[in-house]
Amino acid sequence: MTNDLRRTALGVILTFGLAVAQPVAAEPSPEAGRWEFAGEVYLWGAGIGGTSSTGDDVDIDFGDLIDNLDFAFMGKLAARRDRWTVFADLVYLDVEDGINTTANIVGRPAKTGIDLELT
């Protein structure tokens, strides 16, 4: 077995070993019957990539998204009472950009403008 293969195998074993959760007995809350609320705000960074309907590649990295970001919010809300839990994961993103270029339309150059908005 080569060193790279051993490292990969060890990494897989450790990953699955750490992912196994041990059951823990739940103890009744001293505040049984009362509602408990929690919330958190977080940031998740990603890019946008794929193929357009015309077959063109689309690749927008995280830095470009941040440069053109108008507003974003990501957060979680949860409410718990006894055995019941209700939660919501809220994500809102507003990104806008535009470009002016020249396109070849029927063999003639034409000025075009493209505005892109993702909400």
PDB file of N, CA and C in Angstrom:
ATOM      1  N   MET A   1       0.841  -1.175   0.000  1.00  0.00           N
ATOM      2  CA  MET A   1       0.000   0.000   0.000  1.00  0.00           C
ATOM      3  C   MET A   1       0.885   1.237   0.000  1.00  0.00           C
ATOM      4  N   THR A   2       0.620   2.180  -0.900  1.00  0.00           N
ATOM      5  CA  THR A   2       1.436   3.384  -0.960  1.00  0.00           C
ATOM      6  C   THR A   2       1.040   4.346   0.158  1.00  0.00           C
ATOM      7  N   ASN A   3       1.903   5.312   0.430  1.00  0.00           N
ATOM      8  CA  ASN A   3       1.632   6.283   1.497  1.00  0.00           C
ATOM      9  C   ASN A   3       0.379   7.101   1.207  1.00  0.00           C
ATOM     10  N   ASP A   4       0.180   7.516  -0.054  1.00  0.00           N
ATOM     11  CA  ASP A   4      -1.013   8.305  -0.398  1.00  0.00           C
ATOM     12  C   ASP A   4      -2.280   7.494  -0.172  1.00  0.00           C
ATOM     13  N   LEU A   5      -2.256   6.228  -0.542  1.00  0.00           N
ATOM     14  CA  LEU A   5      -3.426   5.375  -0.359  1.00  0.00           C
ATOM     15  C   LEU A   5      -3.689   5.140   1.126  1.00  0.00           C
ATOM     16  N   ARG A   6      -2.627   4.984   1.916  1.00  0.00           N
ATOM     17  CA  ARG A   6      -2.788   4.813   3.364  1.00  0.00           C
ATOM     18  C   ARG A   6      -3.388   6.065   3.999  1.00  0.00           C
ATOM     19  N   ARG A   7      -2.904   7.234   3.598  1.00  0.00           N
ATOM     20  CA  ARG A   7      -3.441   8.477   4.137  1.00  0.00           C
ATOM     21  C   ARG A   7      -4.922   8.643   3.775  1.00  0.00           C
ATOM     22  N   THR A   8      -5.257   8.322   2.535  1.00  0.00           N
ATOM     23  CA  THR A   8      -6.653   8.423   2.107  1.00  0.00           C
ATOM     24  C   THR A   8      -7.524   7.466   2.901  1.00  0.00           C
ATOM     25  N   ALA A   9      -7.079   6.210   3.065  1.00  0.00           N
ATOM     26  CA  ALA A   9      -7.845   5.222   3.826  1.00  0.00           C
ATOM     27  C   ALA A   9      -8.003   5.660   5.279  1.00  0.00           C
ATOM     28  N   LEU A  10      -6.946   6.180   5.875  1.00  0.00           N
ATOM     29  CA  LEU A  10      -7.009   6.652   7.254  1.00  0.00           C
ATOM     30  C   LEU A  10      -7.971   7.835   7.369  1.00  0.00           C
ATOM     31  N   GLY A  11      -7.940   8.740   6.402  1.00  0.00           N
ATOM     32  CA  GLY A  11      -8.855   9.874   6.413  1.00  0.00           C
ATOM     33  C   GLY A  11     -10.315   9.441   6.320  1.00  0.00           C
ATOM     34  N   VAL A  12     -10.594   8.461   5.465  1.00  0.00           N
ATOM     35  CA  VAL A  12     -11.963   7.956   5.333  1.00  0.00           C
ATOM     36  C   VAL A  12     -12.408   7.287   6.621  1.00  0.00           C
ATOM     37  N   ILE A  13     -11.546   6.475   7.232  1.00  0.00           N
ATOM     38  CA  ILE A  13     -11.886   5.783   8.476  1.00  0.00           C
ATOM     39  C   ILE A  13     -12.147   6.795   9.594  1.00  0.00           C
ATOM     40  N   LEU A  14     -11.295   7.810   9.722  1.00  0.00           N
ATOM     41  CA  LEU A  14     -11.492   8.820  10.760  1.00  0.00           C
ATOM     42  C   LEU A  14     -12.768   9.627  10.518  1.00  0.00           C
ATOM     43  N   THR A  15     -13.045   9.952   9.262  1.00  0.00           N
ATOM     44  CA  THR A  15     -14.253  10.722   8.951  1.00  0.00           C
ATOM     45  C   THR A  15     -15.502   9.960   9.347  1.00  0.00           C
ATOM     46  N   PHE A  16     -15.577   8.683   8.957  1.00  0.00           N
ATOM     47  CA  PHE A  16     -16.753   7.897   9.310  1.00  0.00           C
ATOM     48  C   PHE A  16     -16.793   7.585  10.800  1.00  0.00           C
ATOM     49  N   GLY A  17     -15.641   7.418  11.409  1.00  0.00           N
ATOM     50  CA  GLY A  17     -15.603   7.160  12.845  1.00  0.00           C
ATOM     51  C   GLY A  17     -16.088   8.347  13.666  1.00  0.00           C
ATOM     52  N   LEU A  18     -15.734   9.557  13.236  1.00  0.00           N
ATOM     53  CA  LEU A  18     -16.168  10.746  13.950  1.00  0.00           C
ATOM     54  C   LEU A  18     -17.627  11.093  13.663  1.00  0.00           C
ATOM     55  N   ALA A  19     -18.140  10.606  12.526  1.00  0.00           N
ATOM     56  CA  ALA A  19     -19.516  10.939  12.153  1.00  0.00           C
ATOM     57  C   ALA A  19     -20.543  10.095  12.903  1.00  0.00           C
ATOM     58  N   VAL A  20     -20.114   9.009  13.536  1.00  0.00           N
ATOM     59  CA  VAL A  20     -21.048   8.149  14.257  1.00  0.00           C
ATOM     60  C   VAL A  20     -21.368   8.805  15.602  1.00  0.00           C
ATOM     61  N   ALA A  21     -22.638   9.041  15.841  1.00  0.00           N
ATOM     62  CA  ALA A  21     -23.066   9.698  17.077  1.00  0.00           C
ATOM     63  C   ALA A  21     -23.500   8.642  18.085  1.00  0.00           C
ATOM     64  N   GLN A  22     -23.161   8.859  19.327  1.00  0.00           N
ATOM     65  CA  GLN A  22     -23.562   7.960  20.397  1.00  0.00           C
ATOM     66  C   GLN A  22     -24.875   8.454  21.000  1.00  0.00           C
ATOM     67  N   PRO A  23     -25.843   7.560  21.220  1.00  0.00           N
ATOM     68  CA  PRO A  23     -27.109   7.994  21.804  1.00  0.00           C
ATOM     69  C   PRO A  23     -26.920   8.460  23.249  1.00  0.00           C
ATOM     70  N   VAL A  24     -27.652   9.494  23.597  1.00  0.00           N
ATOM     71  CA  VAL A  24     -27.604  10.045  24.945  1.00  0.00           C
ATOM     72  C   VAL A  24     -29.029  10.113  25.468  1.00  0.00           C
ATOM     73  N   ALA A  25     -29.229   9.678  26.681  1.00  0.00           N
ATOM     74  CA  ALA A  25     -30.567   9.708  27.271  1.00  0.00           C
ATOM     75  C   ALA A  25     -30.968  11.156  27.547  1.00  0.00           C
ATOM     76  N   ALA A  26     -32.161  11.509  27.118  1.00  0.00           N
ATOM     77  CA  ALA A  26     -32.659  12.865  27.328  1.00  0.00           C
ATOM     78  C   ALA A  26     -33.219  13.000  28.736  1.00  0.00           C
ATOM     79  N   GLU A  27     -32.853  14.082  29.377  1.00  0.00           N
ATOM     80  CA  GLU A  27     -33.385  14.347  30.708  1.00  0.00           C
ATOM     81  C   GLU A  27     -34.468  15.403  30.597  1.00  0.00           C
ATOM     82  N   PRO A  28     -35.508  15.272  31.379  1.00  0.00           N
ATOM     83  CA  PRO A  28     -36.558  16.292  31.307  1.00  0.00           C
ATOM     84  C   PRO A  28     -36.026  17.647  31.729  1.00  0.00           C
ATOM     85  N   SER A  29     -36.468  18.657  31.022  1.00  0.00           N
ATOM     86  CA  SER A  29     -36.048  20.021  31.305  1.00  0.00           C
ATOM     87  C   SER A  29     -36.691  20.493  32.611  1.00  0.00           C
ATOM     88  N   PRO A  30     -35.961  21.264  33.420  1.00  0.00           N
ATOM     89  CA  PRO A  30     -36.578  21.798  34.634  1.00  0.00           C
ATOM     90  C   PRO A  30     -37.708  22.771  34.301  1.00  0.00           C
ATOM     91  N   GLU A  31     -37.710  23.275  33.076  1.00  0.00           N
ATOM     92  CA  GLU A  31     -38.740  24.209  32.635  1.00  0.00           C
ATOM     93  C   GLU A  31     -39.752  23.486  31.744  1.00  0.00           C
ATOM     94  N   ALA A  32     -40.124  22.252  32.069  1.00  0.00           N
ATOM     95  CA  ALA A  32     -41.047  21.473  31.249  1.00  0.00           C
ATOM     96  C   ALA A  32     -42.348  22.233  31.038  1.00  0.00           C
ATOM     97  N   GLY A  33     -42.847  22.188  29.810  1.00  0.00           N
ATOM     98  CA  GLY A  33     -44.082  22.870  29.477  1.00  0.00           C
ATOM     99  C   GLY A  33     -43.905  24.311  29.034  1.00  0.00           C
ATOM    100  N   ARG A  34     -42.703  24.848  29.087  1.00  0.00           N
ATOM    101  CA  ARG A  34     -42.446  26.231  28.660  1.00  0.00           C
ATOM    102  C   ARG A  34     -41.785  26.223  27.291  1.00  0.00           C
ATOM    103  N   TRP A  35     -42.026  27.259  26.528  1.00  0.00           N
ATOM    104  CA  TRP A  35     -41.411  27.406  25.220  1.00  0.00           C
ATOM    105  C   TRP A  35     -39.967  27.883  25.374  1.00  0.00           C
ATOM    106  N   GLU A  36     -39.073  27.322  24.557  1.00  0.00           N
ATOM    107  CA  GLU A  36     -37.680  27.756  24.483  1.00  0.00           C
ATOM    108  C   GLU A  36     -37.430  28.217  23.055  1.00  0.00           C
ATOM    109  N   PHE A  37     -36.770  29.369  22.897  1.00  0.00           N
ATOM    110  CA  PHE A  37     -36.513  29.939  21.581  1.00  0.00           C
ATOM    111  C   PHE A  37     -35.007  30.077  21.365  1.00  0.00           C
ATOM    112  N   ALA A  38     -34.590  29.902  20.120  1.00  0.00           N
ATOM    113  CA  ALA A  38     -33.179  30.064  19.773  1.00  0.00           C
ATOM    114  C   ALA A  38     -33.086  30.616  18.359  1.00  0.00           C
ATOM    115  N   GLY A  39     -31.984  31.276  18.071  1.00  0.00           N
ATOM    116  CA  GLY A  39     -31.759  31.806  16.734  1.00  0.00           C
ATOM    117  C   GLY A  39     -30.275  32.021  16.502  1.00  0.00           C
ATOM    118  N   GLU A  40     -29.905  32.039  15.230  1.00  0.00           N
ATOM    119  CA  GLU A  40     -28.519  32.313  14.886  1.00  0.00           C
ATOM    120  C   GLU A  40     -28.452  32.905  13.485  1.00  0.00           C
ATOM    121  N   VAL A  41     -27.445  33.710  13.280  1.00  0.00           N
ATOM    122  CA  VAL A  41     -27.171  34.313  11.981  1.00  0.00           C
ATOM    123  C   VAL A  41     -25.861  33.705  11.498  1.00  0.00           C
ATOM    124  N   TYR A  42     -25.790  33.364  10.217  1.00  0.00           N
ATOM    125  CA  TYR A  42     -24.587  32.717   9.705  1.00  0.00           C
ATOM    126  C   TYR A  42     -24.286  33.199   8.292  1.00  0.00           C
ATOM    127  N   LEU A  43     -23.113  32.854   7.781  1.00  0.00           N
ATOM    128  CA  LEU A  43     -22.691  33.185   6.433  1.00  0.00           C
ATOM    129  C   LEU A  43     -22.264  31.911   5.737  1.00  0.00           C
ATOM    130  N   TRP A  44     -22.748  31.742   4.540  1.00  0.00           N
ATOM    131  CA  TRP A  44     -22.374  30.595   3.727  1.00  0.00           C
ATOM    132  C   TRP A  44     -21.874  31.133   2.407  1.00  0.00           C
ATOM    133  N   GLY A  45     -20.651  30.824   2.048  1.00  0.00           N
ATOM    134  CA  GLY A  45     -20.063  31.357   0.822  1.00  0.00           C
ATOM    135  C   GLY A  45     -19.995  30.306  -0.266  1.00  0.00           C
ATOM    136  N   ALA A  46     -20.404  30.688  -1.479  1.00  0.00           N
ATOM    137  CA  ALA A  46     -20.363  29.781  -2.618  1.00  0.00           C
ATOM    138  C   ALA A  46     -20.305  30.599  -3.895  1.00  0.00           C
ATOM    139  N   GLY A  47     -20.019  29.944  -4.983  1.00  0.00           N
ATOM    140  CA  GLY A  47     -20.052  30.565  -6.298  1.00  0.00           C
ATOM    141  C   GLY A  47     -21.215  30.009  -7.091  1.00  0.00           C
ATOM    142  N   ILE A  48     -21.408  30.529  -8.287  1.00  0.00           N
ATOM    143  CA  ILE A  48     -22.462  30.064  -9.179  1.00  0.00           C
ATOM    144  C   ILE A  48     -21.790  29.547 -10.438  1.00  0.00           C
ATOM    145  N   GLY A  49     -22.169  28.360 -10.866  1.00  0.00           N
ATOM    146  CA  GLY A  49     -21.583  27.789 -12.067  1.00  0.00           C
ATOM    147  C   GLY A  49     -22.567  26.888 -12.770  1.00  0.00           C
ATOM    148  N   GLY A  50     -22.357  26.710 -14.053  1.00  0.00           N
ATOM    149  CA  GLY A  50     -23.229  25.818 -14.812  1.00  0.00           C
ATOM    150  C   GLY A  50     -23.179  26.165 -16.285  1.00  0.00           C
ATOM    151  N   THR A  51     -24.233  25.758 -16.993  1.00  0.00           N
ATOM    152  CA  THR A  51     -24.347  25.998 -18.422  1.00  0.00           C
ATOM    153  C   THR A  51     -25.679  26.681 -18.696  1.00  0.00           C
ATOM    154  N   SER A  52     -25.654  27.732 -19.517  1.00  0.00           N
ATOM    155  CA  SER A  52     -26.881  28.449 -19.849  1.00  0.00           C
ATOM    156  C   SER A  52     -27.696  27.646 -20.858  1.00  0.00           C
ATOM    157  N   SER A  53     -28.912  28.092 -21.131  1.00  0.00           N
ATOM    158  CA  SER A  53     -29.772  27.387 -22.077  1.00  0.00           C
ATOM    159  C   SER A  53     -29.225  27.452 -23.498  1.00  0.00           C
ATOM    160  N   THR A  54     -28.318  28.405 -23.769  1.00  0.00           N
ATOM    161  CA  THR A  54     -27.705  28.488 -25.098  1.00  0.00           C
ATOM    162  C   THR A  54     -26.412  27.692 -25.184  1.00  0.00           C
ATOM    163  N   GLY A  55     -26.022  27.045 -24.083  1.00  0.00           N
ATOM    164  CA  GLY A  55     -24.819  26.218 -24.084  1.00  0.00           C
ATOM    165  C   GLY A  55     -23.568  26.929 -23.616  1.00  0.00           C
ATOM    166  N   ASP A  56     -23.670  28.184 -23.205  1.00  0.00           N
ATOM    167  CA  ASP A  56     -22.511  28.930 -22.714  1.00  0.00           C
ATOM    168  C   ASP A  56     -22.222  28.559 -21.263  1.00  0.00           C
ATOM    169  N   ASP A  57     -20.928  28.513 -20.922  1.00  0.00           N
ATOM    170  CA  ASP A  57     -20.540  28.236 -19.540  1.00  0.00           C
ATOM    171  C   ASP A  57     -20.735  29.477 -18.678  1.00  0.00           C
ATOM    172  N   VAL A  58     -21.252  29.279 -17.465  1.00  0.00           N
ATOM    173  CA  VAL A  58     -21.441  30.355 -16.497  1.00  0.00           C
ATOM    174  C   VAL A  58     -20.559  30.034 -15.298  1.00  0.00           C
ATOM    175  N   ASP A  59     -19.699  30.973 -14.921  1.00  0.00           N
ATOM    176  CA  ASP A  59     -18.813  30.765 -13.776  1.00  0.00           C
ATOM    177  C   ASP A  59     -18.651  32.095 -13.044  1.00  0.00           C
ATOM    178  N   ILE A  60     -19.318  32.222 -11.896  1.00  0.00           N
ATOM    179  CA  ILE A  60     -19.243  33.430 -11.078  1.00  0.00           C
ATOM    180  C   ILE A  60     -18.677  33.019  -9.725  1.00  0.00           C
ATOM    181  N   ASP A  61     -17.478  33.495  -9.413  1.00  0.00           N
ATOM    182  CA  ASP A  61     -16.867  33.070  -8.147  1.00  0.00           C
ATOM    183  C   ASP A  61     -17.398  33.901  -6.974  1.00  0.00           C
ATOM    184  N   PHE A  62     -17.076  33.471  -5.769  1.00  0.00           N
ATOM    185  CA  PHE A  62     -17.570  34.091  -4.546  1.00  0.00           C
ATOM    186  C   PHE A  62     -17.168  35.560  -4.444  1.00  0.00           C
ATOM    187  N   GLY A  63     -15.957  35.890  -4.869  1.00  0.00           N
ATOM    188  CA  GLY A  63     -15.485  37.273  -4.818  1.00  0.00           C
ATOM    189  C   GLY A  63     -16.329  38.199  -5.684  1.00  0.00           C
ATOM    190  N   ASP A  64     -16.715  37.746  -6.880  1.00  0.00           N
ATOM    191  CA  ASP A  64     -17.578  38.551  -7.750  1.00  0.00           C
ATOM    192  C   ASP A  64     -18.951  38.746  -7.124  1.00  0.00           C
ATOM    193  N   LEU A  65     -19.466  37.710  -6.473  1.00  0.00           N
ATOM    194  CA  LEU A  65     -20.764  37.839  -5.807  1.00  0.00           C
ATOM    195  C   LEU A  65     -20.704  38.883  -4.689  1.00  0.00           C
ATOM    196  N   ILE A  66     -19.642  38.863  -3.909  1.00  0.00           N
ATOM    197  CA  ILE A  66     -19.492  39.838  -2.813  1.00  0.00           C
ATOM    198  C   ILE A  66     -19.378  41.259  -3.377  1.00  0.00           C
ATOM    199  N   ASP A  67     -18.645  41.427  -4.485  1.00  0.00           N
ATOM    200  CA  ASP A  67     -18.487  42.753  -5.091  1.00  0.00           C
ATOM    201  C   ASP A  67     -19.821  43.338  -5.555  1.00  0.00           C
ATOM    202  N   ASN A  68     -20.748  42.498  -5.997  1.00  0.00           N
ATOM    203  CA  ASN A  68     -22.020  42.968  -6.552  1.00  0.00           C
ATOM    204  C   ASN A  68     -23.204  42.703  -5.628  1.00  0.00           C
ATOM    205  N   LEU A  69     -22.927  42.407  -4.380  1.00  0.00           N
ATOM    206  CA  LEU A  69     -23.981  42.089  -3.420  1.00  0.00           C
ATOM    207  C   LEU A  69     -24.692  43.357  -2.962  1.00  0.00           C
ATOM    208  N   ASP A  70     -26.019  43.365  -3.103  1.00  0.00           N
ATOM    209  CA  ASP A  70     -26.809  44.484  -2.596  1.00  0.00           C
ATOM    210  C   ASP A  70     -27.258  44.221  -1.164  1.00  0.00           C
ATOM    211  N   PHE A  71     -27.728  42.997  -0.896  1.00  0.00           N
ATOM    212  CA  PHE A  71     -28.180  42.652   0.453  1.00  0.00           C
ATOM    213  C   PHE A  71     -28.228  41.133   0.580  1.00  0.00           C
ATOM    214  N   ALA A  72     -27.929  40.639   1.775  1.00  0.00           N
ATOM    215  CA  ALA A  72     -28.027  39.203   2.035  1.00  0.00           C
ATOM    216  C   ALA A  72     -28.347  38.983   3.509  1.00  0.00           C
ATOM    217  N   PHE A  73     -29.112  37.938   3.771  1.00  0.00           N
ATOM    218  CA  PHE A  73     -29.409  37.534   5.140  1.00  0.00           C
ATOM    219  C   PHE A  73     -29.536  36.026   5.178  1.00  0.00           C
ATOM    220  N   MET A  74     -28.907  35.417   6.156  1.00  0.00           N
ATOM    221  CA  MET A  74     -29.028  33.986   6.395  1.00  0.00           C
ATOM    222  C   MET A  74     -29.163  33.783   7.889  1.00  0.00           C
ATOM    223  N   GLY A  75     -30.157  33.016   8.299  1.00  0.00           N
ATOM    224  CA  GLY A  75     -30.346  32.784   9.720  1.00  0.00           C
ATOM    225  C   GLY A  75     -31.297  31.635   9.992  1.00  0.00           C
ATOM    226  N   LYS A  76     -31.256  31.180  11.219  1.00  0.00           N
ATOM    227  CA  LYS A  76     -32.128  30.092  11.671  1.00  0.00           C
ATOM    228  C   LYS A  76     -32.908  30.558  12.884  1.00  0.00           C
ATOM    229  N   LEU A  77     -34.150  30.119  12.967  1.00  0.00           N
ATOM    230  CA  LEU A  77     -35.001  30.358  14.129  1.00  0.00           C
ATOM    231  C   LEU A  77     -35.575  29.025  14.566  1.00  0.00           C
ATOM    232  N   ALA A  78     -35.679  28.805  15.875  1.00  0.00           N
ATOM    233  CA  ALA A  78     -36.238  27.557  16.389  1.00  0.00           C
ATOM    234  C   ALA A  78     -37.042  27.840  17.650  1.00  0.00           C
ATOM    235  N   ALA A  79     -38.098  27.057  17.815  1.00  0.00           N
ATOM    236  CA  ALA A  79     -38.922  27.118  19.024  1.00  0.00           C
ATOM    237  C   ALA A  79     -39.164  25.681  19.475  1.00  0.00           C
ATOM    238  N   ARG A  80     -39.061  25.455  20.786  1.00  0.00           N
ATOM    239  CA  ARG A  80     -39.184  24.095  21.321  1.00  0.00           C
ATOM    240  C   ARG A  80     -40.056  24.111  22.568  1.00  0.00           C
ATOM    241  N   ARG A  81     -40.898  23.077  22.664  1.00  0.00           N
ATOM    242  CA  ARG A  81     -41.706  22.884  23.864  1.00  0.00           C
ATOM    243  C   ARG A  81     -41.877  21.388  24.061  1.00  0.00           C
ATOM    244  N   ASP A  82     -41.410  20.889  25.162  1.00  0.00           N
ATOM    245  CA  ASP A  82     -41.440  19.456  25.482  1.00  0.00           C
ATOM    246  C   ASP A  82     -40.781  18.670  24.349  1.00  0.00           C
ATOM    247  N   ARG A  83     -41.533  17.770  23.711  1.00  0.00           N
ATOM    248  CA  ARG A  83     -40.967  16.925  22.653  1.00  0.00           C
ATOM    249  C   ARG A  83     -41.052  17.563  21.276  1.00  0.00           C
ATOM    250  N   TRP A  84     -41.687  18.696  21.125  1.00  0.00           N
ATOM    251  CA  TRP A  84     -41.948  19.283  19.820  1.00  0.00           C
ATOM    252  C   TRP A  84     -40.987  20.431  19.531  1.00  0.00           C
ATOM    253  N   THR A  85     -40.511  20.470  18.283  1.00  0.00           N
ATOM    254  CA  THR A  85     -39.618  21.527  17.828  1.00  0.00           C
ATOM    255  C   THR A  85     -40.082  22.030  16.470  1.00  0.00           C
ATOM    256  N   VAL A  86     -40.092  23.337  16.305  1.00  0.00           N
ATOM    257  CA  VAL A  86     -40.418  23.974  15.030  1.00  0.00           C
ATOM    258  C   VAL A  86     -39.232  24.860  14.678  1.00  0.00           C
ATOM    259  N   PHE A  87     -38.769  24.774  13.416  1.00  0.00           N
ATOM    260  CA  PHE A  87     -37.632  25.605  13.037  1.00  0.00           C
ATOM    261  C   PHE A  87     -37.790  26.107  11.608  1.00  0.00           C
ATOM    262  N   ALA A  88     -37.057  27.169  11.303  1.00  0.00           N
ATOM    263  CA  ALA A  88     -37.026  27.743   9.962  1.00  0.00           C
ATOM    264  C   ALA A  88     -35.596  28.152   9.640  1.00  0.00           C
ATOM    265  N   ASP A  89     -35.202  27.916   8.408  1.00  0.00           N
ATOM    266  CA  ASP A  89     -33.898  28.338   7.910  1.00  0.00           C
ATOM    267  C   ASP A  89     -34.172  29.380   6.827  1.00  0.00           C
ATOM    268  N   LEU A  90     -33.803  30.626   7.080  1.00  0.00           N
ATOM    269  CA  LEU A  90     -34.133  31.740   6.193  1.00  0.00           C
ATOM    270  C   LEU A  90     -32.905  32.163   5.400  1.00  0.00           C
ATOM    271  N   VAL A  91     -33.062  32.279   4.078  1.00  0.00           N
ATOM    272  CA  VAL A  91     -31.974  32.715   3.203  1.00  0.00           C
ATOM    273  C   VAL A  91     -32.531  33.741   2.223  1.00  0.00           C
ATOM    274  N   TYR A  92     -31.917  34.922   2.168  1.00  0.00           N
ATOM    275  CA  TYR A  92     -32.293  35.943   1.196  1.00  0.00           C
ATOM    276  C   TYR A  92     -31.014  36.507   0.593  1.00  0.00           C
ATOM    277  N   LEU A  93     -30.986  36.622  -0.734  1.00  0.00           N
ATOM    278  CA  LEU A  93     -29.805  37.102  -1.441  1.00  0.00           C
ATOM    279  C   LEU A  93     -30.261  38.018  -2.564  1.00  0.00           C
ATOM    280  N   ASP A  94     -29.630  39.179  -2.705  1.00  0.00           N
ATOM    281  CA  ASP A  94     -29.934  40.118  -3.776  1.00  0.00           C
ATOM    282  C   ASP A  94     -28.616  40.562  -4.401  1.00  0.00           C
ATOM    283  N   VAL A  95     -28.344  40.074  -5.624  1.00  0.00           N
ATOM    284  CA  VAL A  95     -27.115  40.387  -6.349  1.00  0.00           C
ATOM    285  C   VAL A  95     -27.510  41.002  -7.686  1.00  0.00           C
ATOM    286  N   GLU A  96     -26.801  42.065  -8.067  1.00  0.00           N
ATOM    287  CA  GLU A  96     -27.135  42.749  -9.318  1.00  0.00           C
ATOM    288  C   GLU A  96     -25.855  43.218 -10.000  1.00  0.00           C
ATOM    289  N   ASP A  97     -25.779  43.052 -11.332  1.00  0.00           N
ATOM    290  CA  ASP A  97     -24.624  43.509 -12.096  1.00  0.00           C
ATOM    291  C   ASP A  97     -25.075  43.789 -13.533  1.00  0.00           C
ATOM    292  N   GLY A  98     -24.293  44.562 -14.240  1.00  0.00           N
ATOM    293  CA  GLY A  98     -24.598  44.873 -15.626  1.00  0.00           C
ATOM    294  C   GLY A  98     -23.328  45.035 -16.432  1.00  0.00           C
ATOM    295  N   ILE A  99     -23.450  44.882 -17.752  1.00  0.00           N
ATOM    296  CA  ILE A  99     -22.304  45.028 -18.645  1.00  0.00           C
ATOM    297  C   ILE A  99     -22.794  45.591 -19.971  1.00  0.00           C
ATOM    298  N   ASN A 100     -22.009  46.453 -20.562  1.00  0.00           N
ATOM    299  CA  ASN A 100     -22.270  46.975 -21.904  1.00  0.00           C
ATOM    300  C   ASN A 100     -21.219  46.384 -22.828  1.00  0.00           C
ATOM    301  N   THR A 101     -21.636  45.842 -23.949  1.00  0.00           N
ATOM    302  CA  THR A 101     -20.718  45.196 -24.875  1.00  0.00           C
ATOM    303  C   THR A 101     -21.232  45.353 -26.298  1.00  0.00           C
ATOM    304  N   THR A 102     -20.490  44.839 -27.241  1.00  0.00           N
ATOM    305  CA  THR A 102     -20.893  44.837 -28.640  1.00  0.00           C
ATOM    306  C   THR A 102     -21.125  43.398 -29.074  1.00  0.00           C
ATOM    307  N   ALA A 103     -22.253  43.158 -29.743  1.00  0.00           N
ATOM    308  CA  ALA A 103     -22.592  41.820 -30.218  1.00  0.00           C
ATOM    309  C   ALA A 103     -22.656  41.836 -31.738  1.00  0.00           C
ATOM    310  N   ASN A 104     -22.371  40.712 -32.348  1.00  0.00           N
ATOM    311  CA  ASN A 104     -22.438  40.564 -33.797  1.00  0.00           C
ATOM    312  C   ASN A 104     -23.829  40.034 -34.142  1.00  0.00           C
ATOM    313  N   ILE A 105     -24.695  40.916 -34.653  1.00  0.00           N
ATOM    314  CA  ILE A 105     -26.065  40.533 -34.993  1.00  0.00           C
ATOM    315  C   ILE A 105     -26.205  40.613 -36.507  1.00  0.00           C
ATOM    316  N   VAL A 106     -26.435  39.485 -37.125  1.00  0.00           N
ATOM    317  CA  VAL A 106     -26.592  39.350 -38.572  1.00  0.00           C
ATOM    318  C   VAL A 106     -25.418  40.020 -39.305  1.00  0.00           C
ATOM    319  N   GLY A 107     -24.216  39.760 -38.805  1.00  0.00           N
ATOM    320  CA  GLY A 107     -23.009  40.259 -39.453  1.00  0.00           C
ATOM    321  C   GLY A 107     -22.684  41.711 -39.182  1.00  0.00           C
ATOM    322  N   ARG A 108     -23.457  42.381 -38.341  1.00  0.00           N
ATOM    323  CA  ARG A 108     -23.200  43.791 -38.033  1.00  0.00           C
ATOM    324  C   ARG A 108     -23.018  43.971 -36.532  1.00  0.00           C
ATOM    325  N   PRO A 109     -22.031  44.753 -36.143  1.00  0.00           N
ATOM    326  CA  PRO A 109     -21.848  45.002 -34.706  1.00  0.00           C
ATOM    327  C   PRO A 109     -22.969  45.884 -34.165  1.00  0.00           C
ATOM    328  N   ALA A 110     -23.472  45.517 -33.003  1.00  0.00           N
ATOM    329  CA  ALA A 110     -24.532  46.293 -32.351  1.00  0.00           C
ATOM    330  C   ALA A 110     -24.202  46.406 -30.871  1.00  0.00           C
ATOM    331  N   LYS A 111     -24.395  47.603 -30.326  1.00  0.00           N
ATOM    332  CA  LYS A 111     -24.156  47.806 -28.894  1.00  0.00           C
ATOM    333  C   LYS A 111     -25.301  47.185 -28.116  1.00  0.00           C
ATOM    334  N   THR A 112     -24.938  46.425 -27.106  1.00  0.00           N
ATOM    335  CA  THR A 112     -25.948  45.784 -26.260  1.00  0.00           C
ATOM    336  C   THR A 112     -25.605  45.999 -24.811  1.00  0.00           C
ATOM    337  N   GLY A 113     -26.595  45.954 -23.970  1.00  0.00           N
ATOM    338  CA  GLY A 113     -26.401  46.041 -22.526  1.00  0.00           C
ATOM    339  C   GLY A 113     -27.104  44.862 -21.864  1.00  0.00           C
ATOM    340  N   ILE A 114     -26.445  44.301 -20.902  1.00  0.00           N
ATOM    341  CA  ILE A 114     -27.016  43.166 -20.179  1.00  0.00           C
ATOM    342  C   ILE A 114     -27.059  43.509 -18.706  1.00  0.00           C
ATOM    343  N   ASP A 115     -28.227  43.374 -18.099  1.00  0.00           N
ATOM    344  CA  ASP A 115     -28.392  43.552 -16.668  1.00  0.00           C
ATOM    345  C   ASP A 115     -28.822  42.212 -16.082  1.00  0.00           C
ATOM    346  N   LEU A 116     -28.161  41.813 -15.021  1.00  0.00           N
ATOM    347  CA  LEU A 116     -28.459  40.549 -14.356  1.00  0.00           C
ATOM    348  C   LEU A 116     -28.809  40.831 -12.914  1.00  0.00           C
ATOM    349  N   GLU A 117     -29.925  40.281 -12.479  1.00  0.00           N
ATOM    350  CA  GLU A 117     -30.334  40.420 -11.090  1.00  0.00           C
ATOM    351  C   GLU A 117     -30.766  39.059 -10.568  1.00  0.00           C
ATOM    352  N   LEU A 118     -30.210  38.676  -9.447  1.00  0.00           N
ATOM    353  CA  LEU A 118     -30.548  37.420  -8.788  1.00  0.00           C
ATOM    354  C   LEU A 118     -31.084  37.762  -7.405  1.00  0.00           C
ATOM    355  N   THR A 119     -32.352  37.453  -7.177  1.00  0.00           N
ATOM    356  CA  THR A 119     -32.974  37.722  -5.887  1.00  0.00           C
ATOM    357  C   THR A 119     -33.543  36.418  -5.355  1.00  0.00           C
TER     358      THR A 119
END
